[in-house]
């Protein structure tokens, strides 16, 4: 992006602050998806009609589907899309204002619903890896350059949701916020199906088959820089070294188990090859997996924060921390607190040892999946599961929708 375009974008952004804004909400999600917290808040308001909510995206397929369902949605580059982004009082997004429109958000109340509970450092806390250059600057000139070239990353949200004091500290640091800018609340994605249980999805009906156990594998993104574009067909795939998919499939068939994979959106293309293996189904093309979580019997992950949401379901968690062969890979640092979490914060590398909730080799993974006890939280670790849940989730009298509505639509926000 040239300097002139970057400066012009910044000027347009500040000029948009002069436009009067009315009581309506524009909403959007990363990679133009219909997903995560913004999705569930949007669906809730479509049912209650409390506020006019409009979905903004760059995906015409998403727009068509939402309109077919009777909802309001526009392309961000259409005249109506730009008009609503320019005149809406509220922006609700899952990552950055560019989920909606990063050019005309000045003057709106920007609510970043964020898409995870951070273990790896995020935003301005990132000091290493390929993402650090977006946030760190050694001089005033480089800081000024960053605000131009990484515009939306440097636009602070006005409000964020935080489910516990632990997350308070992370969000205030990473997004450079004051504690008063946090709403103590759970998330729409975790509360939606509690309020609307009739909208959950049955795996058996989707696949026309019944399985004894359902396993969900959700690895974190390793900041490899791989994107779902063009040349990634020949790109390094760390999961091919961590799994023998044919052997895994054979065991799954024998045990009548279903293995669902859900790769990070930046690595979603890596799951396409798995269609050839029985009892392994890739869900990376799904917008999200929250509608089926009630049927998952075991979650396998490494550092994906989805396990934090699964704590609310009391689903057993197995951490598969396989060795990386890519010597060029740069991994973001984890927060200090993550190294001491119950179950999660255990030694790696030469000191790593397999346990009932952590394995490091594919053979250990196979052995664990062959045991019925792996699909139950062991009595010996129930207290650790509860302690882990208490760290991330504080009990709330109201769900996320009530908390958001009370905070935003009361006199304090007008």
Protein backbone atom coordinates (compact mmCIF):
# COMPACT_ATOMS: atom_id res chain seq x y z
CA UNK A 1 0.00 0.00 0.00
CA UNK A 2 1.46 3.34 -1.00
CA UNK A 3 1.92 6.17 1.46
CA UNK A 4 -0.59 8.35 -0.38
CA UNK A 5 -3.32 5.72 -0.16
CA UNK A 6 -2.58 5.16 3.53
CA UNK A 7 -2.82 8.87 4.29
CA UNK A 8 -6.01 9.19 2.25
CA UNK A 9 -7.55 6.29 4.16
CA UNK A 10 -6.71 7.96 7.45
CA UNK A 11 -8.22 11.26 6.30
CA UNK A 12 -11.45 9.53 5.21
CA UNK A 13 -11.65 7.78 8.56
CA UNK A 14 -11.40 11.00 10.54
CA UNK A 15 -13.80 12.81 8.20
CA UNK A 16 -16.42 10.10 8.85
CA UNK A 17 -16.55 11.28 12.44
CA UNK A 18 -18.48 14.35 11.28
CA UNK A 19 -21.43 12.28 10.07
CA UNK A 20 -24.49 12.10 12.39
CA UNK A 21 -25.14 8.56 13.67
CA UNK A 22 -28.47 6.99 14.52
CA UNK A 23 -29.57 4.17 16.84
CA UNK A 24 -28.77 1.10 14.76
CA UNK A 25 -25.97 -1.48 14.71
CA UNK A 26 -23.73 -2.74 11.93
CA UNK A 27 -22.06 -6.09 12.54
CA UNK A 28 -19.46 -8.29 10.86
CA UNK A 29 -16.88 -11.03 11.25
CA UNK A 30 -13.37 -11.89 10.08
CA UNK A 31 -12.75 -13.16 6.55
CA UNK A 32 -16.30 -12.08 5.62
CA UNK A 33 -17.77 -15.04 7.51
CA UNK A 34 -21.06 -15.18 9.36
CA UNK A 35 -19.59 -16.40 12.61
CA UNK A 36 -18.59 -16.05 16.24
CA UNK A 37 -19.85 -13.52 18.78
CA UNK A 38 -21.13 -10.96 16.27
CA UNK A 39 -23.19 -13.66 14.54
CA UNK A 40 -24.95 -14.76 17.70
CA UNK A 41 -25.62 -11.24 18.91
CA UNK A 42 -27.04 -10.47 15.46
CA UNK A 43 -29.28 -13.56 15.48
CA UNK A 44 -30.53 -12.68 18.94
CA UNK A 45 -31.51 -9.17 17.88
CA UNK A 46 -33.17 -10.48 14.74
CA UNK A 47 -35.46 -12.43 17.03
CA UNK A 48 -36.07 -9.75 19.64
CA UNK A 49 -36.11 -6.69 17.36
CA UNK A 50 -34.58 -4.60 20.15
CA UNK A 51 -32.37 -2.67 17.73
CA UNK A 52 -32.06 -2.57 13.98
CA UNK A 53 -29.02 -4.75 13.28
CA UNK A 54 -27.41 -4.99 9.84
CA UNK A 55 -24.83 -7.54 8.74
CA UNK A 56 -21.96 -6.19 6.65
CA UNK A 57 -19.68 -8.48 4.66
CA UNK A 58 -17.75 -8.81 1.41
CA UNK A 59 -19.22 -12.23 0.65
CA UNK A 60 -22.26 -12.20 -1.62
CA UNK A 61 -23.12 -15.79 -0.66
CA UNK A 62 -23.47 -14.77 2.99
CA UNK A 63 -25.62 -11.80 1.98
CA UNK A 64 -27.90 -13.97 -0.14
CA UNK A 65 -28.37 -16.52 2.62
CA UNK A 66 -29.15 -13.92 5.28
CA UNK A 67 -31.64 -12.18 3.02
CA UNK A 68 -33.27 -15.53 2.25
CA UNK A 69 -33.68 -15.98 6.01
CA UNK A 70 -35.42 -12.60 6.15
CA UNK A 71 -32.50 -10.66 7.63
CA UNK A 72 -30.88 -7.40 6.59
CA UNK A 73 -27.38 -7.62 5.08
CA UNK A 74 -25.30 -5.58 2.63
CA UNK A 75 -21.95 -5.70 0.89
CA UNK A 76 -19.51 -3.31 2.54
CA UNK A 77 -18.72 -1.67 -0.80
CA UNK A 78 -22.33 -1.21 -1.86
CA UNK A 79 -23.97 2.20 -1.52
CA UNK A 80 -26.36 0.92 1.16
CA UNK A 81 -23.56 -0.85 2.97
CA UNK A 82 -21.43 2.29 3.06
CA UNK A 83 -24.43 4.39 4.09
CA UNK A 84 -25.28 2.19 7.07
CA UNK A 85 -21.63 1.95 8.14
CA UNK A 86 -21.37 5.73 7.95
CA UNK A 87 -24.55 6.39 9.97
CA UNK A 88 -24.74 3.53 12.51
CA UNK A 89 -24.15 4.39 16.16
CA UNK A 90 -22.81 0.92 17.06
CA UNK A 91 -20.16 -1.32 15.48
CA UNK A 92 -19.98 -4.93 16.72
CA UNK A 93 -17.13 -7.05 15.36
CA UNK A 94 -15.03 -10.11 16.22
CA UNK A 95 -11.52 -8.93 15.39
CA UNK A 96 -11.09 -5.49 13.80
CA UNK A 97 -13.33 -2.74 12.47
CA UNK A 98 -12.38 -3.98 9.00
CA UNK A 99 -14.75 -6.89 9.73
CA UNK A 100 -17.33 -4.21 8.93
CA UNK A 101 -15.72 -1.13 7.34
CA UNK A 102 -12.43 0.31 8.61
CA UNK A 103 -12.75 3.53 6.65
CA UNK A 104 -15.93 5.12 8.04
CA UNK A 105 -16.11 3.96 11.69
CA UNK A 106 -15.00 7.19 13.36
CA UNK A 107 -17.67 8.45 15.76
CA UNK A 108 -19.41 5.10 16.23
CA UNK A 109 -19.34 3.16 19.50
CA UNK A 110 -16.95 0.37 18.59
CA UNK A 111 -17.52 -2.88 20.51
CA UNK A 112 -14.85 -5.51 19.91
CA UNK A 113 -16.40 -8.87 20.83
CA UNK A 114 -13.05 -10.63 20.19
CA UNK A 115 -12.90 -14.25 19.10
CA UNK A 116 -11.02 -16.04 21.84
CA UNK A 117 -9.56 -16.12 25.33
CA UNK A 118 -5.87 -15.40 24.80
CA UNK A 119 -3.12 -17.82 25.79
CA UNK A 120 -0.70 -16.61 23.14
CA UNK A 121 0.03 -12.90 23.32
CA UNK A 122 -2.25 -10.71 21.23
CA UNK A 123 -2.15 -7.23 19.73
CA UNK A 124 0.15 -4.74 21.52
CA UNK A 125 1.43 -7.45 23.84
CA UNK A 126 3.06 -9.25 20.88
CA UNK A 127 6.80 -8.78 21.06
CA UNK A 128 8.02 -11.58 18.74
CA UNK A 129 6.99 -13.39 15.58
CA UNK A 130 5.75 -12.03 12.23
CA UNK A 131 2.83 -10.14 13.80
CA UNK A 132 5.03 -8.01 16.07
CA UNK A 133 5.88 -5.51 13.32
CA UNK A 134 2.24 -4.40 13.20
CA UNK A 135 2.32 -3.17 16.78
CA UNK A 136 5.88 -2.52 17.95
CA UNK A 137 7.82 0.59 16.99
CA UNK A 138 11.24 1.81 18.11
CA UNK A 139 10.88 5.39 16.91
CA UNK A 140 8.15 7.98 16.50
CA UNK A 141 8.53 7.67 12.74
CA UNK A 142 7.99 3.91 12.76
CA UNK A 143 5.06 4.34 15.13
CA UNK A 144 3.49 6.85 12.75
CA UNK A 145 4.16 4.47 9.87
CA UNK A 146 2.43 1.63 11.72
CA UNK A 147 -0.70 3.66 12.36
CA UNK A 148 -0.91 4.33 8.63
CA UNK A 149 -0.03 0.88 7.27
CA UNK A 150 -1.88 -1.09 9.93
CA UNK A 151 -4.77 1.28 10.37
CA UNK A 152 -7.49 -0.95 11.80
CA UNK A 153 -5.13 -2.68 14.24
CA UNK A 154 -4.41 0.71 15.79
CA UNK A 155 -8.03 1.82 16.17
CA UNK A 156 -8.95 1.19 19.78
CA UNK A 157 -12.35 -0.28 20.59
CA UNK A 158 -14.55 1.69 22.95
CA UNK A 159 -15.80 -1.42 24.74
CA UNK A 160 -15.01 -5.11 25.10
CA UNK A 161 -16.59 -8.05 26.92
CA UNK A 162 -14.54 -9.73 29.64
CA UNK A 163 -15.74 -12.82 31.52
CA UNK A 164 -13.25 -12.68 34.41
CA UNK A 165 -10.54 -10.57 36.13
CA UNK A 166 -7.89 -12.67 34.37
CA UNK A 167 -9.18 -11.58 30.96
CA UNK A 168 -9.53 -8.00 32.25
CA UNK A 169 -5.77 -7.75 32.65
CA UNK A 170 -5.06 -9.22 29.22
CA UNK A 171 -7.51 -7.04 27.30
CA UNK A 172 -6.56 -3.78 29.01
CA UNK A 173 -2.90 -4.43 28.20
CA UNK A 174 -3.28 -5.83 24.68
CA UNK A 175 -5.80 -3.24 23.48
CA UNK A 176 -4.53 -0.35 25.64
CA UNK A 177 -7.87 0.12 27.35
CA UNK A 178 -9.00 1.39 30.72
CA UNK A 179 -10.78 -1.07 33.05
CA UNK A 180 -13.94 1.05 32.69
CA UNK A 181 -14.07 0.06 29.02
CA UNK A 182 -14.75 -3.59 29.89
CA UNK A 183 -18.19 -5.11 30.37
CA UNK A 184 -18.16 -8.01 32.81
CA UNK A 185 -19.95 -10.65 30.78
CA UNK A 186 -19.82 -14.03 29.09
CA UNK A 187 -19.88 -14.20 25.30
CA UNK A 188 -22.81 -14.38 22.86
CA UNK A 189 -21.28 -17.49 21.26
CA UNK A 190 -21.34 -19.39 24.56
CA UNK A 191 -24.71 -18.08 25.74
CA UNK A 192 -26.78 -18.28 22.56
CA UNK A 193 -27.66 -21.98 22.66
CA UNK A 194 -28.42 -21.76 26.36
CA UNK A 195 -31.11 -19.24 25.50
CA UNK A 196 -32.15 -20.96 22.25
CA UNK A 197 -31.47 -24.70 22.79
CA UNK A 198 -33.90 -25.64 20.04
CA UNK A 199 -31.46 -24.27 17.46
CA UNK A 200 -28.63 -26.72 18.22
CA UNK A 201 -27.56 -29.12 15.47
CA UNK A 202 -27.67 -32.92 15.58
CA UNK A 203 -24.52 -34.52 14.16
CA UNK A 204 -26.36 -37.81 13.56
CA UNK A 205 -28.99 -36.07 11.44
CA UNK A 206 -26.38 -34.09 9.51
CA UNK A 207 -24.30 -37.14 8.64
CA UNK A 208 -27.11 -39.69 8.59
CA UNK A 209 -25.09 -41.88 10.92
CA UNK A 210 -24.76 -42.56 14.64
CA UNK A 211 -21.36 -42.67 16.33
CA UNK A 212 -20.38 -43.95 19.76
CA UNK A 213 -18.03 -41.01 20.38
CA UNK A 214 -17.51 -37.62 18.72
CA UNK A 215 -14.01 -36.13 18.85
CA UNK A 216 -13.29 -32.53 17.87
CA UNK A 217 -9.74 -31.54 16.92
CA UNK A 218 -9.07 -27.78 16.93
CA UNK A 219 -5.41 -26.73 16.69
CA UNK A 220 -4.24 -23.18 17.05
CA UNK A 221 -2.74 -21.15 14.22
CA UNK A 222 1.04 -21.07 14.40
CA UNK A 223 1.50 -17.66 12.76
CA UNK A 224 3.07 -19.43 9.81
CA UNK A 225 1.82 -16.74 7.46
CA UNK A 226 0.06 -19.33 5.30
CA UNK A 227 -3.19 -18.01 3.94
CA UNK A 228 -5.96 -19.68 1.95
CA UNK A 229 -4.77 -18.20 -1.32
CA UNK A 230 -3.16 -19.51 -4.44
CA UNK A 231 0.19 -21.13 -3.73
CA UNK A 232 -0.57 -22.86 -0.43
CA UNK A 233 -1.20 -26.19 -2.21
CA UNK A 234 2.53 -26.90 -2.04
CA UNK A 235 3.02 -25.25 1.36
CA UNK A 236 4.33 -27.02 4.43
CA UNK A 237 1.61 -28.86 6.34
CA UNK A 238 2.55 -29.52 9.99
CA UNK A 239 -0.40 -31.86 10.52
CA UNK A 240 0.83 -34.40 7.98
CA UNK A 241 3.84 -34.95 10.24
CA UNK A 242 1.72 -35.05 13.38
CA UNK A 243 -0.88 -37.54 12.08
CA UNK A 244 -0.97 -40.70 10.06
CA UNK A 245 -4.47 -40.05 8.81
CA UNK A 246 -4.94 -43.51 7.28
CA UNK A 247 -4.06 -45.29 10.53
CA UNK A 248 -6.20 -42.92 12.56
CA UNK A 249 -9.14 -43.47 10.21
CA UNK A 250 -8.81 -47.25 10.49
CA UNK A 251 -8.94 -47.10 14.28
CA UNK A 252 -11.87 -44.67 14.25
CA UNK A 253 -13.90 -47.00 12.04
CA UNK A 254 -13.12 -49.93 14.33
CA UNK A 255 -14.21 -48.00 17.43
CA UNK A 256 -17.16 -46.29 15.66
CA UNK A 257 -15.74 -42.89 16.53
CA UNK A 258 -16.11 -39.68 14.54
CA UNK A 259 -13.09 -37.36 14.26
CA UNK A 260 -14.01 -33.77 13.35
CA UNK A 261 -11.25 -31.34 12.40
CA UNK A 262 -11.53 -27.60 12.59
CA UNK A 263 -8.44 -25.71 11.42
CA UNK A 264 -7.89 -22.01 11.97
CA UNK A 265 -9.39 -19.85 9.17
CA UNK A 266 -5.86 -19.04 8.00
CA UNK A 267 -5.17 -22.76 7.59
CA UNK A 268 -8.63 -23.93 6.51
CA UNK A 269 -7.28 -25.16 3.17
CA UNK A 270 -5.23 -27.83 4.96
CA UNK A 271 -8.34 -29.84 5.77
CA UNK A 272 -9.45 -30.42 2.19
CA UNK A 273 -7.30 -33.53 1.80
CA UNK A 274 -9.08 -35.31 4.66
CA UNK A 275 -12.23 -36.10 2.69
CA UNK A 276 -10.69 -39.40 1.55
CA UNK A 277 -10.54 -40.86 5.06
CA UNK A 278 -13.61 -42.60 6.58
CA UNK A 279 -14.81 -41.25 9.94
CA UNK A 280 -12.71 -38.08 9.56
CA UNK A 281 -14.67 -35.00 8.56
CA UNK A 282 -13.23 -31.52 8.16
CA UNK A 283 -15.41 -28.67 9.43
CA UNK A 284 -12.98 -25.87 8.57
CA UNK A 285 -15.45 -24.59 5.97
CA UNK A 286 -18.14 -24.20 8.64
CA UNK A 287 -18.63 -20.71 9.96
CA UNK A 288 -18.24 -22.07 13.51
CA UNK A 289 -18.94 -25.20 15.58
CA UNK A 290 -20.96 -23.90 18.51
CA UNK A 291 -24.21 -25.53 17.38
CA UNK A 292 -22.73 -29.02 17.82
CA UNK A 293 -20.64 -28.64 20.98
CA UNK A 294 -23.30 -30.31 23.11
CA UNK A 295 -22.59 -33.57 21.25
CA UNK A 296 -18.78 -33.50 21.45
CA UNK A 297 -17.33 -36.15 23.78
CA UNK A 298 -13.66 -35.08 23.64
CA UNK A 299 -11.80 -31.97 22.54
CA UNK A 300 -8.24 -32.28 21.25
CA UNK A 301 -6.19 -29.09 20.94
CA UNK A 302 -2.82 -27.54 21.66
CA UNK A 303 -3.32 -23.86 22.44
CA UNK A 304 -6.62 -23.06 20.77
CA UNK A 305 -8.72 -21.05 23.18
CA UNK A 306 -11.81 -23.00 22.13
CA UNK A 307 -10.98 -25.24 25.08
CA UNK A 308 -11.85 -22.30 27.33
CA UNK A 309 -15.39 -22.26 25.93
CA UNK A 310 -15.61 -26.05 26.26
CA UNK A 311 -14.95 -25.74 30.00
CA UNK A 312 -18.54 -24.52 30.30
CA UNK A 313 -19.72 -27.84 28.84
CA UNK A 314 -17.57 -29.98 31.15
CA UNK A 315 -16.13 -31.81 28.14
CA UNK A 316 -12.82 -33.69 28.58
CA UNK A 317 -9.82 -31.98 26.98
CA UNK A 318 -6.75 -33.69 25.55
CA UNK A 319 -3.76 -31.51 24.69
CA UNK A 320 -1.83 -32.88 21.70
CA UNK A 321 1.44 -30.94 21.62
CA UNK A 322 3.42 -32.48 18.81
CA UNK A 323 6.94 -31.44 17.82
CA UNK A 324 7.26 -28.94 14.99
CA UNK A 325 9.67 -29.76 12.13
CA UNK A 326 9.50 -26.35 10.49
CA UNK A 327 12.63 -24.60 11.74
CA UNK A 328 11.58 -21.32 10.13
CA UNK A 329 8.35 -21.12 12.06
CA UNK A 330 8.16 -18.23 14.51
CA UNK A 331 5.80 -18.78 17.41
CA UNK A 332 4.25 -16.00 19.39
CA UNK A 333 5.06 -15.92 23.07
CA UNK A 334 2.43 -17.08 25.52
CA UNK A 335 1.29 -14.99 28.43
CA UNK A 336 3.07 -15.73 31.71
CA UNK A 337 -0.13 -16.85 33.40
CA UNK A 338 -0.70 -19.55 30.76
CA UNK A 339 2.45 -21.37 31.83
CA UNK A 340 0.94 -22.00 35.28
CA UNK A 341 -2.63 -22.85 34.40
CA UNK A 342 -4.03 -26.13 35.75
CA UNK A 343 -3.86 -28.86 33.06
CA UNK A 344 -2.55 -26.39 30.48
CA UNK A 345 0.63 -25.06 32.01
CA UNK A 346 2.92 -28.06 31.84
CA UNK A 347 6.54 -28.44 30.65
CA UNK A 348 7.26 -29.05 26.99
CA UNK A 349 10.30 -30.17 25.03
CA UNK A 350 12.64 -32.61 26.73
CA UNK A 351 10.78 -32.34 30.05
CA UNK A 352 7.41 -33.12 28.50
CA UNK A 353 5.65 -36.25 29.66
CA UNK A 354 2.48 -37.91 28.47
CA UNK A 355 -0.46 -37.96 30.87
CA UNK A 356 -4.21 -38.55 30.81
CA UNK A 357 -4.79 -35.05 29.47
CA UNK A 358 -1.59 -34.42 27.45
CA UNK A 359 0.23 -36.40 24.74
CA UNK A 360 3.17 -35.56 22.50
CA UNK A 361 3.28 -38.33 19.89
CA UNK A 362 0.83 -39.75 17.41
CA UNK A 363 1.09 -43.23 18.94
CA UNK A 364 0.22 -41.83 22.37
CA UNK A 365 -2.75 -40.08 20.79
CA UNK A 366 -3.96 -43.34 19.22
CA UNK A 367 -3.59 -45.18 22.52
CA UNK A 368 -5.56 -42.50 24.35
CA UNK A 369 -8.42 -42.53 21.84
CA UNK A 370 -8.71 -46.30 22.17
CA UNK A 371 -9.58 -46.06 25.87
CA UNK A 372 -13.13 -45.37 27.04
CA UNK A 373 -11.81 -43.57 30.13
CA UNK A 374 -10.39 -40.84 27.91
CA UNK A 375 -13.94 -39.62 27.25
CA UNK A 376 -14.59 -38.82 30.90
CA UNK A 377 -13.03 -36.22 33.15
CA UNK A 378 -10.93 -38.22 35.65
CA UNK A 379 -11.87 -37.82 39.30
CA UNK A 380 -8.26 -36.92 40.02
CA UNK A 381 -8.48 -33.83 37.78
CA UNK A 382 -12.05 -32.66 38.40
CA UNK A 383 -10.80 -30.02 40.83
CA UNK A 384 -8.29 -28.80 38.25
CA UNK A 385 -11.01 -28.51 35.61
CA UNK A 386 -13.14 -26.49 38.02
CA UNK A 387 -10.23 -24.26 38.99
CA UNK A 388 -9.45 -23.69 35.31
CA UNK A 389 -13.08 -22.78 34.65
CA UNK A 390 -13.06 -20.33 37.57
CA UNK A 391 -10.01 -18.57 36.14
CA UNK A 392 -11.71 -17.85 32.82
CA UNK A 393 -15.37 -17.65 33.75
CA UNK A 394 -17.01 -15.70 36.53
CA UNK A 395 -20.61 -16.52 37.41
CA UNK A 396 -23.12 -14.05 35.95
CA UNK A 397 -26.75 -13.46 36.87
CA UNK A 398 -27.47 -12.38 33.30
CA UNK A 399 -26.38 -13.77 29.96
CA UNK A 400 -24.26 -11.87 27.45
CA UNK A 401 -27.26 -10.40 25.64
CA UNK A 402 -28.73 -8.90 28.79
CA UNK A 403 -25.35 -7.56 29.88
CA UNK A 404 -24.69 -5.88 26.54
CA UNK A 405 -28.17 -4.42 26.33
CA UNK A 406 -28.09 -3.13 29.90
CA UNK A 407 -24.73 -1.48 29.40
CA UNK A 408 -25.19 -0.01 25.95
CA UNK A 409 -28.82 0.92 25.90
CA UNK A 410 -28.98 2.49 29.35
CA UNK A 411 -28.50 6.19 30.02
CA UNK A 412 -24.73 5.79 30.42
CA UNK A 413 -24.24 5.15 26.69
CA UNK A 414 -26.39 7.99 25.38
